[in-house]
Amino acid sequence: MRTLEHPSREDMQLDTVLAALADPVRRQVACRLFDHEDGHACGTFDLPVSKSTSTHHFRVLREAGVIRQEYRGTSIMNSLRREDLEIRFPGLLEAVFAAQHIEDTTSR
């Protein structure tokens, strides 16, 4: 079975996680996963970038430890590493996504 490399919880670095979430496209992916507990295939995200750029964004999120990616058949399923991030950086996800929600509602 094919597997993808993920950092352990202990190896997650705050700077790397924040850099991954600083990009609006990657934050959009993480916000969608935050709102939905079940995993989503990469192709189900409606992102404003090409497929190759989308693949790059998913890789950055995975390598930072923000998401977990697992093969299911020919699809790669994505899920937010909510528990690992909350234990490693308490309150970070809530703060980032609350700020994103405020930005979304004020920019309309």
PDB file of N, CA and C in Angstrom:
ATOM      1  N   MET A   1       0.839  -1.176   0.000  1.00  0.00           N
ATOM      2  CA  MET A   1       0.000   0.000   0.000  1.00  0.00           C
ATOM      3  C   MET A   1       0.892   1.250   0.000  1.00  0.00           C
ATOM      4  N   ARG A   2       0.534   2.213  -0.811  1.00  0.00           N
ATOM      5  CA  ARG A   2       1.299   3.452  -0.875  1.00  0.00           C
ATOM      6  C   ARG A   2       0.984   4.318   0.335  1.00  0.00           C
ATOM      7  N   THR A   3       2.015   4.932   0.881  1.00  0.00           N
ATOM      8  CA  THR A   3       1.833   5.842   2.001  1.00  0.00           C
ATOM      9  C   THR A   3       2.589   7.138   1.719  1.00  0.00           C
ATOM     10  N   LEU A   4       2.193   8.175   2.389  1.00  0.00           N
ATOM     11  CA  LEU A   4       2.836   9.482   2.269  1.00  0.00           C
ATOM     12  C   LEU A   4       3.469   9.846   3.600  1.00  0.00           C
ATOM     13  N   GLU A   5       4.575  10.554   3.554  1.00  0.00           N
ATOM     14  CA  GLU A   5       5.280  10.974   4.762  1.00  0.00           C
ATOM     15  C   GLU A   5       4.548  12.124   5.449  1.00  0.00           C
ATOM     16  N   HIS A   6       4.426  12.022   6.765  1.00  0.00           N
ATOM     17  CA  HIS A   6       3.831  13.064   7.599  1.00  0.00           C
ATOM     18  C   HIS A   6       4.753  13.299   8.794  1.00  0.00           C
ATOM     19  N   PRO A   7       4.914  14.553   9.205  1.00  0.00           N
ATOM     20  CA  PRO A   7       5.726  14.763  10.404  1.00  0.00           C
ATOM     21  C   PRO A   7       4.986  14.242  11.639  1.00  0.00           C
ATOM     22  N   SER A   8       5.753  13.777  12.605  1.00  0.00           N
ATOM     23  CA  SER A   8       5.125  13.382  13.865  1.00  0.00           C
ATOM     24  C   SER A   8       4.657  14.654  14.569  1.00  0.00           C
ATOM     25  N   ARG A   9       3.781  14.493  15.524  1.00  0.00           N
ATOM     26  CA  ARG A   9       3.288  15.644  16.293  1.00  0.00           C
ATOM     27  C   ARG A   9       4.462  16.417  16.890  1.00  0.00           C
ATOM     28  N   GLU A  10       5.431  15.695  17.441  1.00  0.00           N
ATOM     29  CA  GLU A  10       6.578  16.327  18.096  1.00  0.00           C
ATOM     30  C   GLU A  10       7.471  17.085  17.115  1.00  0.00           C
ATOM     31  N   ASP A  11       7.450  16.683  15.852  1.00  0.00           N
ATOM     32  CA  ASP A  11       8.292  17.328  14.843  1.00  0.00           C
ATOM     33  C   ASP A  11       7.626  18.526  14.178  1.00  0.00           C
ATOM     34  N   MET A  12       6.356  18.770  14.454  1.00  0.00           N
ATOM     35  CA  MET A  12       5.679  19.932  13.863  1.00  0.00           C
ATOM     36  C   MET A  12       6.301  21.209  14.422  1.00  0.00           C
ATOM     37  N   GLN A  13       6.563  22.152  13.532  1.00  0.00           N
ATOM     38  CA  GLN A  13       7.168  23.424  13.921  1.00  0.00           C
ATOM     39  C   GLN A  13       6.165  24.548  13.691  1.00  0.00           C
ATOM     40  N   LEU A  14       6.045  25.444  14.650  1.00  0.00           N
ATOM     41  CA  LEU A  14       5.084  26.544  14.566  1.00  0.00           C
ATOM     42  C   LEU A  14       5.304  27.384  13.318  1.00  0.00           C
ATOM     43  N   ASP A  15       6.544  27.743  13.014  1.00  0.00           N
ATOM     44  CA  ASP A  15       6.814  28.565  11.835  1.00  0.00           C
ATOM     45  C   ASP A  15       6.341  27.890  10.557  1.00  0.00           C
ATOM     46  N   THR A  16       6.542  26.591  10.456  1.00  0.00           N
ATOM     47  CA  THR A  16       6.154  25.843   9.260  1.00  0.00           C
ATOM     48  C   THR A  16       4.637  25.765   9.141  1.00  0.00           C
ATOM     49  N   VAL A  17       3.954  25.524  10.248  1.00  0.00           N
ATOM     50  CA  VAL A  17       2.490  25.468  10.244  1.00  0.00           C
ATOM     51  C   VAL A  17       1.920  26.830   9.874  1.00  0.00           C
ATOM     52  N   LEU A  18       2.442  27.889  10.482  1.00  0.00           N
ATOM     53  CA  LEU A  18       1.950  29.237  10.176  1.00  0.00           C
ATOM     54  C   LEU A  18       2.225  29.615   8.727  1.00  0.00           C
ATOM     55  N   ALA A  19       3.383  29.250   8.201  1.00  0.00           N
ATOM     56  CA  ALA A  19       3.698  29.535   6.801  1.00  0.00           C
ATOM     57  C   ALA A  19       2.734  28.796   5.873  1.00  0.00           C
ATOM     58  N   ALA A  20       2.406  27.553   6.219  1.00  0.00           N
ATOM     59  CA  ALA A  20       1.465  26.784   5.400  1.00  0.00           C
ATOM     60  C   ALA A  20       0.087  27.435   5.413  1.00  0.00           C
ATOM     61  N   LEU A  21      -0.339  27.918   6.569  1.00  0.00           N
ATOM     62  CA  LEU A  21      -1.668  28.518   6.692  1.00  0.00           C
ATOM     63  C   LEU A  21      -1.705  29.973   6.242  1.00  0.00           C
ATOM     64  N   ALA A  22      -0.558  30.575   5.962  1.00  0.00           N
ATOM     65  CA  ALA A  22      -0.518  31.974   5.533  1.00  0.00           C
ATOM     66  C   ALA A  22      -1.058  32.153   4.114  1.00  0.00           C
ATOM     67  N   ASP A  23      -0.957  31.118   3.302  1.00  0.00           N
ATOM     68  CA  ASP A  23      -1.439  31.203   1.927  1.00  0.00           C
ATOM     69  C   ASP A  23      -2.961  31.061   1.896  1.00  0.00           C
ATOM     70  N   PRO A  24      -3.663  31.959   1.189  1.00  0.00           N
ATOM     71  CA  PRO A  24      -5.129  31.898   1.182  1.00  0.00           C
ATOM     72  C   PRO A  24      -5.710  30.607   0.599  1.00  0.00           C
ATOM     73  N   VAL A  25      -5.068  30.028  -0.391  1.00  0.00           N
ATOM     74  CA  VAL A  25      -5.584  28.783  -0.979  1.00  0.00           C
ATOM     75  C   VAL A  25      -5.438  27.642   0.022  1.00  0.00           C
ATOM     76  N   ARG A  26      -4.294  27.570   0.672  1.00  0.00           N
ATOM     77  CA  ARG A  26      -4.090  26.510   1.664  1.00  0.00           C
ATOM     78  C   ARG A  26      -5.010  26.705   2.865  1.00  0.00           C
ATOM     79  N   ARG A  27      -5.241  27.953   3.243  1.00  0.00           N
ATOM     80  CA  ARG A  27      -6.161  28.223   4.350  1.00  0.00           C
ATOM     81  C   ARG A  27      -7.587  27.818   3.963  1.00  0.00           C
ATOM     82  N   GLN A  28      -7.957  28.027   2.705  1.00  0.00           N
ATOM     83  CA  GLN A  28      -9.273  27.602   2.216  1.00  0.00           C
ATOM     84  C   GLN A  28      -9.433  26.088   2.361  1.00  0.00           C
ATOM     85  N   VAL A  29      -8.401  25.336   1.995  1.00  0.00           N
ATOM     86  CA  VAL A  29      -8.432  23.870   2.141  1.00  0.00           C
ATOM     87  C   VAL A  29      -8.584  23.500   3.607  1.00  0.00           C
ATOM     88  N   ALA A  30      -7.763  24.096   4.460  1.00  0.00           N
ATOM     89  CA  ALA A  30      -7.796  23.773   5.894  1.00  0.00           C
ATOM     90  C   ALA A  30      -9.134  24.159   6.509  1.00  0.00           C
ATOM     91  N   CYS A  31      -9.692  25.289   6.119  1.00  0.00           N
ATOM     92  CA  CYS A  31     -10.999  25.712   6.652  1.00  0.00           C
ATOM     93  C   CYS A  31     -12.089  24.724   6.267  1.00  0.00           C
ATOM     94  N   ARG A  32     -12.052  24.248   5.040  1.00  0.00           N
ATOM     95  CA  ARG A  32     -13.058  23.269   4.616  1.00  0.00           C
ATOM     96  C   ARG A  32     -12.925  21.982   5.423  1.00  0.00           C
ATOM     97  N   LEU A  33     -11.702  21.552   5.652  1.00  0.00           N
ATOM     98  CA  LEU A  33     -11.493  20.346   6.444  1.00  0.00           C
ATOM     99  C   LEU A  33     -11.854  20.571   7.908  1.00  0.00           C
ATOM    100  N   PHE A  34     -11.691  21.781   8.392  1.00  0.00           N
ATOM    101  CA  PHE A  34     -12.052  22.125   9.769  1.00  0.00           C
ATOM    102  C   PHE A  34     -13.560  22.028   9.958  1.00  0.00           C
ATOM    103  N   ASP A  35     -14.311  22.433   8.938  1.00  0.00           N
ATOM    104  CA  ASP A  35     -15.767  22.437   9.010  1.00  0.00           C
ATOM    105  C   ASP A  35     -16.385  21.057   8.798  1.00  0.00           C
ATOM    106  N   HIS A  36     -15.628  20.122   8.240  1.00  0.00           N
ATOM    107  CA  HIS A  36     -16.142  18.785   7.935  1.00  0.00           C
ATOM    108  C   HIS A  36     -15.172  17.740   8.458  1.00  0.00           C
ATOM    109  N   GLU A  37     -15.630  16.926   9.383  1.00  0.00           N
ATOM    110  CA  GLU A  37     -14.777  15.918  10.020  1.00  0.00           C
ATOM    111  C   GLU A  37     -14.305  14.829   9.065  1.00  0.00           C
ATOM    112  N   ASP A  38     -15.159  14.431   8.122  1.00  0.00           N
ATOM    113  CA  ASP A  38     -14.789  13.329   7.234  1.00  0.00           C
ATOM    114  C   ASP A  38     -13.768  13.795   6.204  1.00  0.00           C
ATOM    115  N   GLY A  39     -12.979  12.873   5.692  1.00  0.00           N
ATOM    116  CA  GLY A  39     -11.957  13.195   4.712  1.00  0.00           C
ATOM    117  C   GLY A  39     -12.541  13.569   3.363  1.00  0.00           C
ATOM    118  N   HIS A  40     -11.789  14.328   2.616  1.00  0.00           N
ATOM    119  CA  HIS A  40     -12.209  14.758   1.288  1.00  0.00           C
ATOM    120  C   HIS A  40     -11.095  14.454   0.290  1.00  0.00           C
ATOM    121  N   ALA A  41     -11.475  13.967  -0.868  1.00  0.00           N
ATOM    122  CA  ALA A  41     -10.511  13.722  -1.936  1.00  0.00           C
ATOM    123  C   ALA A  41     -10.035  15.058  -2.494  1.00  0.00           C
ATOM    124  N   CYS A  42      -8.804  15.082  -2.963  1.00  0.00           N
ATOM    125  CA  CYS A  42      -8.234  16.320  -3.506  1.00  0.00           C
ATOM    126  C   CYS A  42      -9.113  16.920  -4.600  1.00  0.00           C
ATOM    127  N   GLY A  43      -9.678  16.083  -5.448  1.00  0.00           N
ATOM    128  CA  GLY A  43     -10.490  16.561  -6.564  1.00  0.00           C
ATOM    129  C   GLY A  43     -11.812  17.195  -6.177  1.00  0.00           C
ATOM    130  N   THR A  44     -12.225  17.068  -4.916  1.00  0.00           N
ATOM    131  CA  THR A  44     -13.510  17.637  -4.497  1.00  0.00           C
ATOM    132  C   THR A  44     -13.401  19.099  -4.075  1.00  0.00           C
ATOM    133  N   PHE A  45     -12.181  19.618  -4.020  1.00  0.00           N
ATOM    134  CA  PHE A  45     -11.982  21.011  -3.637  1.00  0.00           C
ATOM    135  C   PHE A  45     -12.049  21.883  -4.884  1.00  0.00           C
ATOM    136  N   ASP A  46     -12.853  22.924  -4.837  1.00  0.00           N
ATOM    137  CA  ASP A  46     -12.965  23.865  -5.950  1.00  0.00           C
ATOM    138  C   ASP A  46     -11.991  25.007  -5.680  1.00  0.00           C
ATOM    139  N   LEU A  47     -10.755  24.821  -6.127  1.00  0.00           N
ATOM    140  CA  LEU A  47      -9.713  25.801  -5.845  1.00  0.00           C
ATOM    141  C   LEU A  47      -9.429  26.647  -7.085  1.00  0.00           C
ATOM    142  N   PRO A  48      -9.073  27.919  -6.883  1.00  0.00           N
ATOM    143  CA  PRO A  48      -8.855  28.830  -8.020  1.00  0.00           C
ATOM    144  C   PRO A  48      -7.445  28.711  -8.603  1.00  0.00           C
ATOM    145  N   VAL A  49      -6.918  27.485  -8.657  1.00  0.00           N
ATOM    146  CA  VAL A  49      -5.561  27.254  -9.169  1.00  0.00           C
ATOM    147  C   VAL A  49      -5.570  26.002 -10.043  1.00  0.00           C
ATOM    148  N   SER A  50      -4.488  25.821 -10.790  1.00  0.00           N
ATOM    149  CA  SER A  50      -4.377  24.633 -11.645  1.00  0.00           C
ATOM    150  C   SER A  50      -4.208  23.382 -10.789  1.00  0.00           C
ATOM    151  N   LYS A  51      -4.368  22.227 -11.421  1.00  0.00           N
ATOM    152  CA  LYS A  51      -4.240  20.960 -10.699  1.00  0.00           C
ATOM    153  C   LYS A  51      -2.831  20.791 -10.125  1.00  0.00           C
ATOM    154  N   SER A  52      -1.816  21.164 -10.889  1.00  0.00           N
ATOM    155  CA  SER A  52      -0.445  21.007 -10.386  1.00  0.00           C
ATOM    156  C   SER A  52      -0.177  21.950  -9.220  1.00  0.00           C
ATOM    157  N   THR A  53      -0.721  23.149  -9.259  1.00  0.00           N
ATOM    158  CA  THR A  53      -0.556  24.086  -8.146  1.00  0.00           C
ATOM    159  C   THR A  53      -1.332  23.594  -6.934  1.00  0.00           C
ATOM    160  N   SER A  54      -2.497  23.033  -7.176  1.00  0.00           N
ATOM    161  CA  SER A  54      -3.294  22.458  -6.094  1.00  0.00           C
ATOM    162  C   SER A  54      -2.516  21.338  -5.405  1.00  0.00           C
ATOM    163  N   THR A  55      -1.880  20.484  -6.186  1.00  0.00           N
ATOM    164  CA  THR A  55      -1.071  19.399  -5.641  1.00  0.00           C
ATOM    165  C   THR A  55       0.039  19.961  -4.755  1.00  0.00           C
ATOM    166  N   HIS A  56       0.655  21.040  -5.196  1.00  0.00           N
ATOM    167  CA  HIS A  56       1.700  21.688  -4.398  1.00  0.00           C
ATOM    168  C   HIS A  56       1.146  22.159  -3.053  1.00  0.00           C
ATOM    169  N   HIS A  57      -0.023  22.802  -3.069  1.00  0.00           N
ATOM    170  CA  HIS A  57      -0.618  23.314  -1.838  1.00  0.00           C
ATOM    171  C   HIS A  57      -0.934  22.179  -0.858  1.00  0.00           C
ATOM    172  N   PHE A  58      -1.469  21.075  -1.357  1.00  0.00           N
ATOM    173  CA  PHE A  58      -1.747  19.931  -0.487  1.00  0.00           C
ATOM    174  C   PHE A  58      -0.451  19.375   0.102  1.00  0.00           C
ATOM    175  N   ARG A  59       0.610  19.316  -0.696  1.00  0.00           N
ATOM    176  CA  ARG A  59       1.893  18.812  -0.207  1.00  0.00           C
ATOM    177  C   ARG A  59       2.451  19.708   0.898  1.00  0.00           C
ATOM    178  N   VAL A  60       2.362  21.022   0.719  1.00  0.00           N
ATOM    179  CA  VAL A  60       2.851  21.951   1.745  1.00  0.00           C
ATOM    180  C   VAL A  60       2.089  21.749   3.047  1.00  0.00           C
ATOM    181  N   LEU A  61       0.765  21.616   2.951  1.00  0.00           N
ATOM    182  CA  LEU A  61      -0.045  21.388   4.154  1.00  0.00           C
ATOM    183  C   LEU A  61       0.326  20.073   4.836  1.00  0.00           C
ATOM    184  N   ARG A  62       0.532  19.024   4.051  1.00  0.00           N
ATOM    185  CA  ARG A  62       0.897  17.714   4.607  1.00  0.00           C
ATOM    186  C   ARG A  62       2.269  17.766   5.256  1.00  0.00           C
ATOM    187  N   GLU A  63       3.241  18.346   4.577  1.00  0.00           N
ATOM    188  CA  GLU A  63       4.601  18.383   5.106  1.00  0.00           C
ATOM    189  C   GLU A  63       4.716  19.260   6.349  1.00  0.00           C
ATOM    190  N   ALA A  64       3.815  20.235   6.494  1.00  0.00           N
ATOM    191  CA  ALA A  64       3.792  21.070   7.698  1.00  0.00           C
ATOM    192  C   ALA A  64       3.106  20.355   8.853  1.00  0.00           C
ATOM    193  N   GLY A  65       2.321  19.331   8.533  1.00  0.00           N
ATOM    194  CA  GLY A  65       1.598  18.607   9.570  1.00  0.00           C
ATOM    195  C   GLY A  65       0.176  19.106   9.765  1.00  0.00           C
ATOM    196  N   VAL A  66      -0.294  19.957   8.866  1.00  0.00           N
ATOM    197  CA  VAL A  66      -1.646  20.506   8.998  1.00  0.00           C
ATOM    198  C   VAL A  66      -2.693  19.478   8.578  1.00  0.00           C
ATOM    199  N   ILE A  67      -2.403  18.716   7.538  1.00  0.00           N
ATOM    200  CA  ILE A  67      -3.354  17.704   7.065  1.00  0.00           C
ATOM    201  C   ILE A  67      -2.689  16.335   7.023  1.00  0.00           C
ATOM    202  N   ARG A  68      -3.540  15.323   7.027  1.00  0.00           N
ATOM    203  CA  ARG A  68      -3.109  13.943   6.813  1.00  0.00           C
ATOM    204  C   ARG A  68      -3.684  13.529   5.464  1.00  0.00           C
ATOM    205  N   GLN A  69      -2.847  12.891   4.655  1.00  0.00           N
ATOM    206  CA  GLN A  69      -3.288  12.383   3.362  1.00  0.00           C
ATOM    207  C   GLN A  69      -3.098  10.868   3.340  1.00  0.00           C
ATOM    208  N   GLU A  70      -4.147  10.176   2.900  1.00  0.00           N
ATOM    209  CA  GLU A  70      -4.105   8.719   2.828  1.00  0.00           C
ATOM    210  C   GLU A  70      -4.708   8.263   1.509  1.00  0.00           C
ATOM    211  N   TYR A  71      -4.064   7.284   0.908  1.00  0.00           N
ATOM    212  CA  TYR A  71      -4.609   6.701  -0.315  1.00  0.00           C
ATOM    213  C   TYR A  71      -5.804   5.826   0.011  1.00  0.00           C
ATOM    214  N   ARG A  72      -6.862   5.994  -0.741  1.00  0.00           N
ATOM    215  CA  ARG A  72      -8.018   5.091  -0.725  1.00  0.00           C
ATOM    216  C   ARG A  72      -8.315   4.770  -2.180  1.00  0.00           C
ATOM    217  N   GLY A  73      -7.874   3.608  -2.585  1.00  0.00           N
ATOM    218  CA  GLY A  73      -7.964   3.269  -4.000  1.00  0.00           C
ATOM    219  C   GLY A  73      -7.040   4.190  -4.779  1.00  0.00           C
ATOM    220  N   THR A  74      -7.597   4.868  -5.769  1.00  0.00           N
ATOM    221  CA  THR A  74      -6.793   5.788  -6.573  1.00  0.00           C
ATOM    222  C   THR A  74      -6.908   7.232  -6.083  1.00  0.00           C
ATOM    223  N   SER A  75      -7.697   7.456  -5.057  1.00  0.00           N
ATOM    224  CA  SER A  75      -7.882   8.807  -4.524  1.00  0.00           C
ATOM    225  C   SER A  75      -7.006   9.043  -3.307  1.00  0.00           C
ATOM    226  N   ILE A  76      -6.640  10.288  -3.115  1.00  0.00           N
ATOM    227  CA  ILE A  76      -5.951  10.683  -1.889  1.00  0.00           C
ATOM    228  C   ILE A  76      -6.968  11.439  -1.048  1.00  0.00           C
ATOM    229  N   MET A  77      -7.221  10.900   0.138  1.00  0.00           N
ATOM    230  CA  MET A  77      -8.171  11.533   1.051  1.00  0.00           C
ATOM    231  C   MET A  77      -7.412  12.429   2.024  1.00  0.00           C
ATOM    232  N   ASN A  78      -7.991  13.588   2.292  1.00  0.00           N
ATOM    233  CA  ASN A  78      -7.372  14.594   3.143  1.00  0.00           C
ATOM    234  C   ASN A  78      -8.203  14.810   4.391  1.00  0.00           C
ATOM    235  N   SER A  79      -7.531  14.928   5.523  1.00  0.00           N
ATOM    236  CA  SER A  79      -8.213  15.265   6.768  1.00  0.00           C
ATOM    237  C   SER A  79      -7.318  16.197   7.568  1.00  0.00           C
ATOM    238  N   LEU A  80      -7.934  17.042   8.354  1.00  0.00           N
ATOM    239  CA  LEU A  80      -7.212  17.985   9.194  1.00  0.00           C
ATOM    240  C   LEU A  80      -6.660  17.253  10.405  1.00  0.00           C
ATOM    241  N   ARG A  81      -5.430  17.519  10.762  1.00  0.00           N
ATOM    242  CA  ARG A  81      -4.820  16.889  11.941  1.00  0.00           C
ATOM    243  C   ARG A  81      -5.166  17.727  13.174  1.00  0.00           C
ATOM    244  N   ARG A  82      -6.437  17.858  13.392  1.00  0.00           N
ATOM    245  CA  ARG A  82      -6.984  18.720  14.442  1.00  0.00           C
ATOM    246  C   ARG A  82      -6.425  18.384  15.821  1.00  0.00           C
ATOM    247  N   GLU A  83      -6.483  17.131  16.201  1.00  0.00           N
ATOM    248  CA  GLU A  83      -6.034  16.742  17.546  1.00  0.00           C
ATOM    249  C   GLU A  83      -4.540  16.990  17.722  1.00  0.00           C
ATOM    250  N   ASP A  84      -3.744  16.593  16.731  1.00  0.00           N
ATOM    251  CA  ASP A  84      -2.295  16.802  16.828  1.00  0.00           C
ATOM    252  C   ASP A  84      -1.963  18.291  16.931  1.00  0.00           C
ATOM    253  N   LEU A  85      -2.622  19.111  16.128  1.00  0.00           N
ATOM    254  CA  LEU A  85      -2.356  20.546  16.159  1.00  0.00           C
ATOM    255  C   LEU A  85      -2.821  21.180  17.467  1.00  0.00           C
ATOM    256  N   GLU A  86      -3.942  20.720  17.989  1.00  0.00           N
ATOM    257  CA  GLU A  86      -4.446  21.277  19.242  1.00  0.00           C
ATOM    258  C   GLU A  86      -3.524  20.920  20.411  1.00  0.00           C
ATOM    259  N   ILE A  87      -3.005  19.713  20.404  1.00  0.00           N
ATOM    260  CA  ILE A  87      -2.082  19.314  21.476  1.00  0.00           C
ATOM    261  C   ILE A  87      -0.754  20.053  21.347  1.00  0.00           C
ATOM    262  N   ARG A  88      -0.254  20.155  20.131  1.00  0.00           N
ATOM    263  CA  ARG A  88       1.057  20.789  19.908  1.00  0.00           C
ATOM    264  C   ARG A  88       0.987  22.314  20.054  1.00  0.00           C
ATOM    265  N   PHE A  89      -0.083  22.926  19.504  1.00  0.00           N
ATOM    266  CA  PHE A  89      -0.234  24.391  19.516  1.00  0.00           C
ATOM    267  C   PHE A  89      -1.656  24.736  19.962  1.00  0.00           C
ATOM    268  N   PRO A  90      -1.934  24.665  21.250  1.00  0.00           N
ATOM    269  CA  PRO A  90      -3.300  24.864  21.753  1.00  0.00           C
ATOM    270  C   PRO A  90      -3.914  26.198  21.300  1.00  0.00           C
ATOM    271  N   GLY A  91      -5.117  26.100  20.738  1.00  0.00           N
ATOM    272  CA  GLY A  91      -5.865  27.283  20.326  1.00  0.00           C
ATOM    273  C   GLY A  91      -5.497  27.851  18.969  1.00  0.00           C
ATOM    274  N   LEU A  92      -4.461  27.337  18.334  1.00  0.00           N
ATOM    275  CA  LEU A  92      -4.014  27.898  17.061  1.00  0.00           C
ATOM    276  C   LEU A  92      -5.073  27.788  15.969  1.00  0.00           C
ATOM    277  N   LEU A  93      -5.613  26.592  15.774  1.00  0.00           N
ATOM    278  CA  LEU A  93      -6.602  26.423  14.701  1.00  0.00           C
ATOM    279  C   LEU A  93      -7.827  27.297  14.923  1.00  0.00           C
ATOM    280  N   GLU A  94      -8.336  27.306  16.133  1.00  0.00           N
ATOM    281  CA  GLU A  94      -9.511  28.138  16.433  1.00  0.00           C
ATOM    282  C   GLU A  94      -9.228  29.601  16.109  1.00  0.00           C
ATOM    283  N   ALA A  95      -8.053  30.087  16.484  1.00  0.00           N
ATOM    284  CA  ALA A  95      -7.698  31.491  16.239  1.00  0.00           C
ATOM    285  C   ALA A  95      -7.572  31.782  14.745  1.00  0.00           C
ATOM    286  N   VAL A  96      -6.911  30.910  14.013  1.00  0.00           N
ATOM    287  CA  VAL A  96      -6.721  31.117  12.577  1.00  0.00           C
ATOM    288  C   VAL A  96      -8.062  31.101  11.853  1.00  0.00           C
ATOM    289  N   PHE A  97      -8.904  30.128  12.181  1.00  0.00           N
ATOM    290  CA  PHE A  97     -10.165  30.010  11.459  1.00  0.00           C
ATOM    291  C   PHE A  97     -11.180  31.056  11.892  1.00  0.00           C
ATOM    292  N   ALA A  98     -11.122  31.500  13.132  1.00  0.00           N
ATOM    293  CA  ALA A  98     -11.977  32.609  13.571  1.00  0.00           C
ATOM    294  C   ALA A  98     -11.579  33.886  12.829  1.00  0.00           C
ATOM    295  N   ALA A  99     -10.275  34.120  12.690  1.00  0.00           N
ATOM    296  CA  ALA A  99      -9.796  35.290  11.953  1.00  0.00           C
ATOM    297  C   ALA A  99     -10.198  35.201  10.484  1.00  0.00           C
ATOM    298  N   GLN A 100     -10.137  34.016   9.909  1.00  0.00           N
ATOM    299  CA  GLN A 100     -10.547  33.839   8.512  1.00  0.00           C
ATOM    300  C   GLN A 100     -12.035  34.124   8.350  1.00  0.00           C
ATOM    301  N   HIS A 101     -12.827  33.660   9.290  1.00  0.00           N
ATOM    302  CA  HIS A 101     -14.270  33.904   9.239  1.00  0.00           C
ATOM    303  C   HIS A 101     -14.557  35.411   9.286  1.00  0.00           C
ATOM    304  N   ILE A 102     -13.857  36.122  10.155  1.00  0.00           N
ATOM    305  CA  ILE A 102     -14.040  37.586  10.248  1.00  0.00           C
ATOM    306  C   ILE A 102     -13.648  38.238   8.929  1.00  0.00           C
ATOM    307  N   GLU A 103     -12.528  37.810   8.359  1.00  0.00           N
ATOM    308  CA  GLU A 103     -12.080  38.373   7.092  1.00  0.00           C
ATOM    309  C   GLU A 103     -13.091  38.089   5.979  1.00  0.00           C
ATOM    310  N   ASP A 104     -13.632  36.869   5.961  1.00  0.00           N
ATOM    311  CA  ASP A 104     -14.627  36.510   4.951  1.00  0.00           C
ATOM    312  C   ASP A 104     -15.878  37.361   5.053  1.00  0.00           C
ATOM    313  N   THR A 105     -16.342  37.602   6.267  1.00  0.00           N
ATOM    314  CA  THR A 105     -17.594  38.344   6.439  1.00  0.00           C
ATOM    315  C   THR A 105     -17.422  39.844   6.218  1.00  0.00           C
ATOM    316  N   THR A 106     -16.238  40.374   6.460  1.00  0.00           N
ATOM    317  CA  THR A 106     -16.032  41.817   6.258  1.00  0.00           C
ATOM    318  C   THR A 106     -15.623  42.171   4.839  1.00  0.00           C
ATOM    319  N   SER A 107     -15.178  41.198   4.060  1.00  0.00           N
ATOM    320  CA  SER A 107     -14.748  41.483   2.691  1.00  0.00           C
ATOM    321  C   SER A 107     -15.864  41.300   1.672  1.00  0.00           C
ATOM    322  N   ARG A 108     -17.041  40.950   2.113  1.00  0.00           N
ATOM    323  CA  ARG A 108     -18.167  40.737   1.174  1.00  0.00           C
ATOM    324  C   ARG A 108     -18.858  42.009   0.842  1.00  0.00           C
TER     325      ARG A 108
END
